[in-house]
Amino acid sequence: MPGKASPTALLLGAGFSKWAAGLPLASELFDFGFEPFGPRDRRWLSVARDAKGVWDARHPGEPAEAFVGWALLQPAEVRKAVLWYIVHRLSRPWIWEEVHAGRRRRHVLNMDDGRKWQVPGTVVARDFLEPWLPDLTGVVTTNYDLLVEYALGMRGFHHGVDGERLAGRGAYPISQWRNPAALRGKTALAKVHGSISWSMGRRHPDGRAAIHGDALIVPPVHEKQPLSELRDPWALAGRILDDARRLVVFGFAFNPCDEAFLGHLRRHGRSIEEIVIMDCASRRDRAAGIWPEARVEEWNPPKPRAMERQVVVQRSS
């Protein structure tokens, strides 16, 4: 429910992707609930599962972030397998498998591929985002998934560079290599922890890095630190927040361990007058600690199927 016009920034966390598309939170990530595609996937899935089993036996009840932090200190095969698993798991709804020219093939859908609308979460995300678009200074997200990109399409967003060309073709089947994919939208999208569509030095129009296992992301560990390769998204996030007077937060937990990003919010949110938090749990105190001068309201998330533009329950300020 956007309400009165005001320069607005959206801050989306893992809870948004959980609500819209059923993507797992960190605590749900390592369920190993999918079938591998081929020998390489079987190997990586086996290594990641075995590593998690070793960790759980030694550290029962410890959070997933602690396991990831431990895995990153292990031999290369374990590190690679765990990082591949994380981005692959978050891509599963949009991985398309088909038989072409007598061969079984797979790919993560292009941002403009019409088949994305067959994934229910894409429609839910689009219906949520559309009413906010006229007033948006941009979207800031800590998520790696492509839910926002699928919802808006390549004509709906940019990463801070007008007409940025991506490393790959447009949507199948009408794309041609001589007509490369480009971002031409008005909505700024800052992915401060990276993306499954990014690899080192390249951005793609799909999630191929989730299959290859080389996505540029900040892994889900305690006390995340920004990567030098992500300076531009962090700078864009700062501009989005600086221009906003209202901030809508959906599914972002304000985890105290995420100190670097919380500090970024403090530095660049000084003009924010109103905070709207959409979450099933109260985050009022954590938000007030970052923006003490802002008015904070807490709303229940809308019902995904009906997408009602009304607050079901609005807690008193």
Protein backbone atom coordinates (compact mmCIF):
# COMPACT_ATOMS: atom_id res chain seq x y z
CA MET A 1 0.00 0.00 0.00
CA PRO A 2 2.20 2.88 -1.22
CA GLY A 3 -0.03 5.65 0.13
CA LYS A 4 0.96 9.29 -0.34
CA ALA A 5 3.65 10.14 -2.87
CA SER A 6 7.10 10.41 -1.33
CA PRO A 7 10.58 9.53 -2.62
CA THR A 8 10.77 5.90 -1.51
CA ALA A 9 13.51 3.29 -1.30
CA LEU A 10 12.84 -0.43 -0.93
CA LEU A 11 15.13 -2.56 1.21
CA LEU A 12 14.53 -6.26 0.53
CA GLY A 13 15.99 -9.09 2.56
CA ALA A 14 15.72 -12.86 2.48
CA GLY A 15 12.24 -12.72 4.01
CA PHE A 16 10.93 -11.06 0.85
CA SER A 17 12.10 -13.90 -1.39
CA LYS A 18 10.75 -16.41 1.12
CA TRP A 19 7.35 -14.70 1.10
CA ALA A 20 7.09 -14.26 -2.67
CA ALA A 21 8.75 -17.40 -4.04
CA GLY A 22 9.32 -19.76 -1.14
CA LEU A 23 13.10 -19.41 -1.35
CA PRO A 24 14.84 -20.66 1.80
CA LEU A 25 16.12 -18.50 4.61
CA ALA A 26 19.65 -19.22 5.81
CA SER A 27 18.28 -21.58 8.46
CA GLU A 28 16.49 -23.58 5.75
CA LEU A 29 19.16 -23.44 3.07
CA PHE A 30 20.90 -26.78 3.56
CA ASP A 31 17.99 -29.15 2.99
CA PHE A 32 19.67 -30.70 -0.09
CA GLY A 33 16.21 -31.03 -1.56
CA PHE A 34 16.90 -31.30 -5.29
CA GLU A 35 18.15 -33.85 -7.77
CA PRO A 36 21.58 -33.24 -9.37
CA PHE A 37 21.69 -32.78 -13.14
CA GLY A 38 24.83 -34.71 -14.06
CA PRO A 39 28.10 -36.19 -12.73
CA ARG A 40 29.61 -32.83 -11.75
CA ASP A 41 26.50 -31.80 -9.84
CA ARG A 42 26.33 -35.17 -8.13
CA ARG A 43 29.90 -34.75 -6.99
CA TRP A 44 29.42 -31.22 -5.68
CA LEU A 45 26.16 -32.10 -3.97
CA SER A 46 27.80 -35.09 -2.30
CA VAL A 47 30.78 -33.02 -1.09
CA ALA A 48 28.52 -30.28 0.28
CA ARG A 49 26.23 -32.78 2.01
CA ASP A 50 29.15 -34.65 3.55
CA ALA A 51 30.72 -31.42 4.79
CA LYS A 52 27.44 -30.39 6.42
CA GLY A 53 27.20 -33.80 8.04
CA VAL A 54 30.68 -33.47 9.51
CA TRP A 55 29.88 -29.98 10.78
CA ASP A 56 26.55 -30.99 12.34
CA ALA A 57 28.16 -33.94 14.15
CA ARG A 58 30.76 -31.65 15.71
CA HIS A 59 28.58 -28.57 16.23
CA PRO A 60 24.95 -29.65 16.76
CA GLY A 61 22.48 -26.78 16.69
CA GLU A 62 24.90 -24.20 15.31
CA PRO A 63 23.45 -21.80 12.68
CA ALA A 64 24.00 -22.23 8.96
CA GLU A 65 26.14 -19.08 8.81
CA ALA A 66 28.66 -20.72 11.14
CA PHE A 67 28.83 -23.77 8.88
CA VAL A 68 29.45 -21.61 5.80
CA GLY A 69 32.19 -19.72 7.60
CA TRP A 70 33.85 -23.02 8.49
CA ALA A 71 33.44 -24.40 4.96
CA LEU A 72 35.22 -21.40 3.47
CA LEU A 73 38.32 -22.36 5.45
CA GLN A 74 38.33 -25.94 4.14
CA PRO A 75 40.15 -27.35 1.08
CA ALA A 76 39.17 -25.95 -2.31
CA GLU A 77 36.80 -28.79 -3.19
CA VAL A 78 34.68 -28.18 -0.10
CA ARG A 79 34.66 -24.38 -0.56
CA LYS A 80 33.63 -24.71 -4.20
CA ALA A 81 30.92 -27.28 -3.48
CA VAL A 82 29.32 -25.27 -0.67
CA LEU A 83 29.30 -22.00 -2.63
CA TRP A 84 27.91 -23.82 -5.68
CA TYR A 85 25.19 -25.35 -3.53
CA ILE A 86 24.12 -21.99 -2.06
CA VAL A 87 23.61 -20.20 -5.38
CA HIS A 88 22.18 -23.31 -7.06
CA ARG A 89 19.61 -23.76 -4.29
CA LEU A 90 18.44 -20.16 -4.70
CA SER A 91 18.05 -20.63 -8.47
CA ARG A 92 16.03 -23.85 -8.45
CA PRO A 93 12.58 -22.41 -9.33
CA TRP A 94 13.99 -20.83 -12.52
CA ILE A 95 16.23 -23.67 -13.74
CA TRP A 96 14.75 -24.99 -16.96
CA GLU A 97 15.50 -28.47 -18.26
CA GLU A 98 14.62 -29.61 -21.78
CA VAL A 99 15.69 -31.96 -24.53
CA HIS A 100 17.17 -30.19 -27.56
CA ALA A 101 18.87 -31.82 -30.56
CA GLY A 102 18.71 -35.14 -28.80
CA ARG A 103 20.48 -33.88 -25.69
CA ARG A 104 19.18 -33.08 -22.22
CA ARG A 105 20.02 -29.45 -21.48
CA ARG A 106 19.41 -26.98 -18.71
CA HIS A 107 19.77 -23.28 -18.06
CA VAL A 108 18.65 -20.65 -15.58
CA LEU A 109 15.99 -18.57 -17.29
CA ASN A 110 16.90 -15.26 -18.90
CA MET A 111 15.44 -12.22 -17.14
CA ASP A 112 13.15 -11.58 -20.13
CA ASP A 113 12.25 -15.20 -20.91
CA GLY A 114 8.45 -15.51 -20.96
CA ARG A 115 8.64 -18.85 -19.17
CA LYS A 116 9.53 -17.01 -15.96
CA TRP A 117 5.85 -16.21 -15.49
CA GLN A 118 5.18 -19.90 -15.00
CA VAL A 119 7.06 -19.61 -11.70
CA PRO A 120 4.42 -18.29 -9.24
CA GLY A 121 6.89 -16.25 -7.19
CA THR A 122 7.75 -14.09 -10.20
CA VAL A 123 4.15 -12.91 -10.50
CA VAL A 124 3.85 -12.25 -6.78
CA ALA A 125 7.04 -10.14 -6.79
CA ARG A 126 5.86 -8.16 -9.83
CA ASP A 127 2.48 -7.45 -8.23
CA PHE A 128 4.16 -6.24 -5.06
CA LEU A 129 6.71 -4.01 -6.79
CA GLU A 130 4.50 -2.32 -9.41
CA PRO A 131 2.54 0.04 -7.11
CA TRP A 132 5.77 1.39 -5.60
CA LEU A 133 7.57 2.07 -8.88
CA PRO A 134 6.37 5.66 -9.56
CA ASP A 135 7.92 6.95 -6.32
CA LEU A 136 11.01 4.73 -6.11
CA THR A 137 14.50 6.10 -5.76
CA GLY A 138 15.54 2.47 -6.13
CA VAL A 139 15.71 -1.00 -4.64
CA VAL A 140 18.47 -2.11 -2.26
CA THR A 141 18.75 -5.81 -1.55
CA THR A 142 21.04 -8.21 0.26
CA ASN A 143 19.63 -11.14 -1.76
CA TYR A 144 21.55 -13.02 -4.46
CA ASP A 145 18.51 -14.37 -6.29
CA LEU A 146 17.04 -12.85 -9.46
CA LEU A 147 13.48 -12.39 -8.20
CA VAL A 148 13.47 -8.60 -8.65
CA GLU A 149 15.14 -8.88 -12.08
CA TYR A 150 12.58 -11.41 -13.25
CA ALA A 151 9.72 -9.28 -11.95
CA LEU A 152 10.91 -6.07 -13.66
CA GLY A 153 12.64 -7.43 -16.78
CA MET A 154 15.65 -5.82 -18.44
CA ARG A 155 13.54 -2.83 -19.46
CA GLY A 156 12.59 -2.23 -15.85
CA PHE A 157 15.84 -1.75 -13.92
CA HIS A 158 19.50 -0.74 -14.08
CA HIS A 159 22.63 -1.15 -11.93
CA GLY A 160 23.60 2.51 -12.08
CA VAL A 161 24.74 2.56 -15.71
CA ASP A 162 22.26 3.59 -18.39
CA GLY A 163 22.03 0.99 -21.17
CA GLU A 164 24.56 -1.35 -19.56
CA ARG A 165 25.30 -4.30 -21.84
CA LEU A 166 25.29 -7.72 -20.24
CA ALA A 167 27.49 -10.65 -21.22
CA GLY A 168 25.02 -12.76 -23.15
CA ARG A 169 22.06 -12.75 -25.45
CA GLY A 170 18.48 -11.62 -24.95
CA ALA A 171 15.54 -13.85 -24.17
CA TYR A 172 15.23 -17.21 -25.94
CA PRO A 173 13.97 -17.97 -28.60
CA ILE A 174 14.01 -14.61 -30.41
CA SER A 175 17.45 -13.42 -29.28
CA GLN A 176 20.42 -12.96 -31.56
CA TRP A 177 24.07 -12.61 -30.60
CA ARG A 178 24.34 -9.41 -32.64
CA ASN A 179 21.64 -7.91 -30.40
CA PRO A 180 23.18 -8.29 -26.93
CA ALA A 181 21.15 -7.96 -23.75
CA ALA A 182 21.07 -4.49 -22.20
CA LEU A 183 19.46 -2.88 -19.15
CA ARG A 184 17.21 0.04 -20.05
CA GLY A 185 14.94 0.47 -17.03
CA LYS A 186 14.33 3.45 -14.75
CA THR A 187 14.52 1.65 -11.41
CA ALA A 188 17.96 1.47 -9.76
CA LEU A 189 18.76 -1.95 -8.29
CA ALA A 190 21.68 -2.24 -5.83
CA LYS A 191 22.66 -5.81 -4.89
CA VAL A 192 25.14 -5.19 -2.12
CA HIS A 193 25.99 -8.86 -1.52
CA GLY A 194 26.31 -9.78 -5.18
CA SER A 195 24.15 -11.82 -7.51
CA ILE A 196 23.83 -15.25 -9.07
CA SER A 197 23.87 -13.41 -12.41
CA TRP A 198 27.34 -11.95 -11.77
CA SER A 199 30.72 -13.57 -12.10
CA MET A 200 34.08 -11.89 -11.66
CA GLY A 201 34.17 -8.92 -14.04
CA ARG A 202 30.96 -9.84 -15.90
CA ARG A 203 27.22 -9.49 -15.50
CA HIS A 204 24.85 -11.82 -17.30
CA PRO A 205 21.17 -11.69 -18.31
CA ASP A 206 20.54 -15.00 -16.54
CA GLY A 207 21.74 -17.05 -13.59
CA ARG A 208 24.37 -19.11 -15.36
CA ALA A 209 26.83 -18.51 -12.52
CA ALA A 210 24.51 -20.58 -10.33
CA ILE A 211 25.14 -23.58 -12.58
CA HIS A 212 28.84 -22.93 -13.06
CA GLY A 213 29.40 -22.27 -9.36
CA ASP A 214 31.36 -19.04 -9.85
CA ALA A 215 28.81 -16.42 -8.80
CA LEU A 216 30.13 -13.19 -7.30
CA ILE A 217 28.53 -13.14 -3.85
CA VAL A 218 29.29 -12.34 -0.24
CA PRO A 219 28.65 -15.75 1.38
CA PRO A 220 26.10 -15.98 4.21
CA VAL A 221 28.47 -15.90 7.17
CA HIS A 222 28.52 -13.99 10.43
CA GLU A 223 30.05 -10.51 10.16
CA LYS A 224 29.90 -10.17 6.38
CA GLN A 225 32.46 -7.85 4.87
CA PRO A 226 31.94 -5.97 1.57
CA LEU A 227 34.01 -7.13 -1.39
CA SER A 228 36.10 -4.63 -3.32
CA GLU A 229 34.45 -5.98 -6.49
CA LEU A 230 31.08 -4.74 -5.14
CA ARG A 231 32.05 -1.10 -4.63
CA ASP A 232 29.65 0.08 -7.34
CA PRO A 233 26.54 -1.61 -5.87
CA TRP A 234 27.37 -0.20 -2.45
CA ALA A 235 27.78 3.29 -3.89
CA LEU A 236 24.48 2.92 -5.75
CA ALA A 237 22.77 1.78 -2.55
CA GLY A 238 24.07 4.94 -0.86
CA ARG A 239 22.59 7.16 -3.57
CA ILE A 240 19.24 5.36 -3.41
CA LEU A 241 19.06 5.89 0.35
CA ASP A 242 20.30 9.49 0.19
CA ASP A 243 17.46 10.43 -2.19
CA ALA A 244 14.72 8.74 -0.15
CA ARG A 245 12.42 10.23 2.44
CA ARG A 246 10.58 6.97 3.06
CA LEU A 247 12.09 3.50 3.38
CA VAL A 248 10.06 0.32 2.99
CA VAL A 249 11.80 -2.67 4.53
CA PHE A 250 10.56 -6.15 3.62
CA GLY A 251 12.08 -9.26 5.15
CA PHE A 252 15.36 -7.71 6.29
CA ALA A 253 16.21 -8.79 9.83
CA PHE A 254 18.74 -6.05 10.78
CA ASN A 255 21.09 -8.78 12.00
CA PRO A 256 23.61 -7.15 14.36
CA CYS A 257 26.36 -9.34 12.86
CA ASP A 258 25.92 -7.54 9.52
CA GLU A 259 27.76 -4.55 10.93
CA ALA A 260 29.25 -3.22 7.69
CA PHE A 261 25.92 -2.92 5.90
CA LEU A 262 24.11 -1.54 8.94
CA GLY A 263 26.76 1.16 9.11
CA HIS A 264 26.12 1.93 5.44
CA LEU A 265 22.43 2.35 6.21
CA ARG A 266 23.21 4.79 9.02
CA ARG A 267 25.48 6.93 6.87
CA HIS A 268 23.14 7.14 3.91
CA GLY A 269 19.72 7.22 5.54
CA ARG A 270 19.89 10.56 7.29
CA SER A 271 17.12 12.12 5.20
CA ILE A 272 14.67 9.28 5.79
CA GLU A 273 11.64 10.47 7.72
CA GLU A 274 9.41 7.39 7.62
CA ILE A 275 10.20 3.66 7.93
CA VAL A 276 7.66 1.02 6.95
CA ILE A 277 8.65 -2.48 8.02
CA MET A 278 6.90 -5.49 6.53
CA ASP A 279 7.68 -8.54 8.60
CA CYS A 280 6.03 -11.18 10.73
CA ALA A 281 8.38 -10.33 13.61
CA SER A 282 8.87 -6.90 15.10
CA ARG A 283 12.02 -5.09 13.95
CA ARG A 284 11.05 -1.70 15.41
CA ASP A 285 13.82 -1.45 17.99
CA ARG A 286 16.54 -2.41 15.50
CA ALA A 287 15.28 0.09 12.92
CA ALA A 288 14.97 2.84 15.53
CA GLY A 289 18.58 2.24 16.53
CA ILE A 290 19.68 3.09 12.98
CA TRP A 291 17.23 5.93 12.24
CA PRO A 292 16.30 7.41 15.64
CA GLU A 293 14.61 10.46 14.14
CA ALA A 294 12.37 8.55 11.72
CA ARG A 295 8.77 7.51 12.32
CA VAL A 296 8.49 3.71 12.26
CA GLU A 297 5.40 1.73 11.29
CA GLU A 298 5.14 -2.06 11.17
CA TRP A 299 2.83 -3.83 8.75
CA ASN A 300 2.04 -7.47 8.23
CA PRO A 301 3.15 -8.66 4.78
CA PRO A 302 0.26 -8.73 2.27
CA LYS A 303 -1.28 -12.04 1.32
CA PRO A 304 0.71 -13.27 -1.71
CA ARG A 305 -2.24 -14.70 -3.65
CA ALA A 306 -4.66 -11.81 -3.28
CA MET A 307 -1.93 -9.13 -3.23
CA GLU A 308 -4.32 -6.86 -1.39
CA ARG A 309 -3.08 -3.27 -1.23
CA GLN A 310 -4.23 -2.98 2.35
CA VAL A 311 -2.56 -3.46 5.68
CA VAL A 312 -4.03 -6.55 7.32
CA VAL A 313 -2.66 -5.60 10.69
CA GLN A 314 -0.94 -2.32 11.40
CA ARG A 315 0.76 -2.15 14.76
CA SER A 316 0.50 1.14 16.56
CA SER A 317 3.46 3.50 16.32
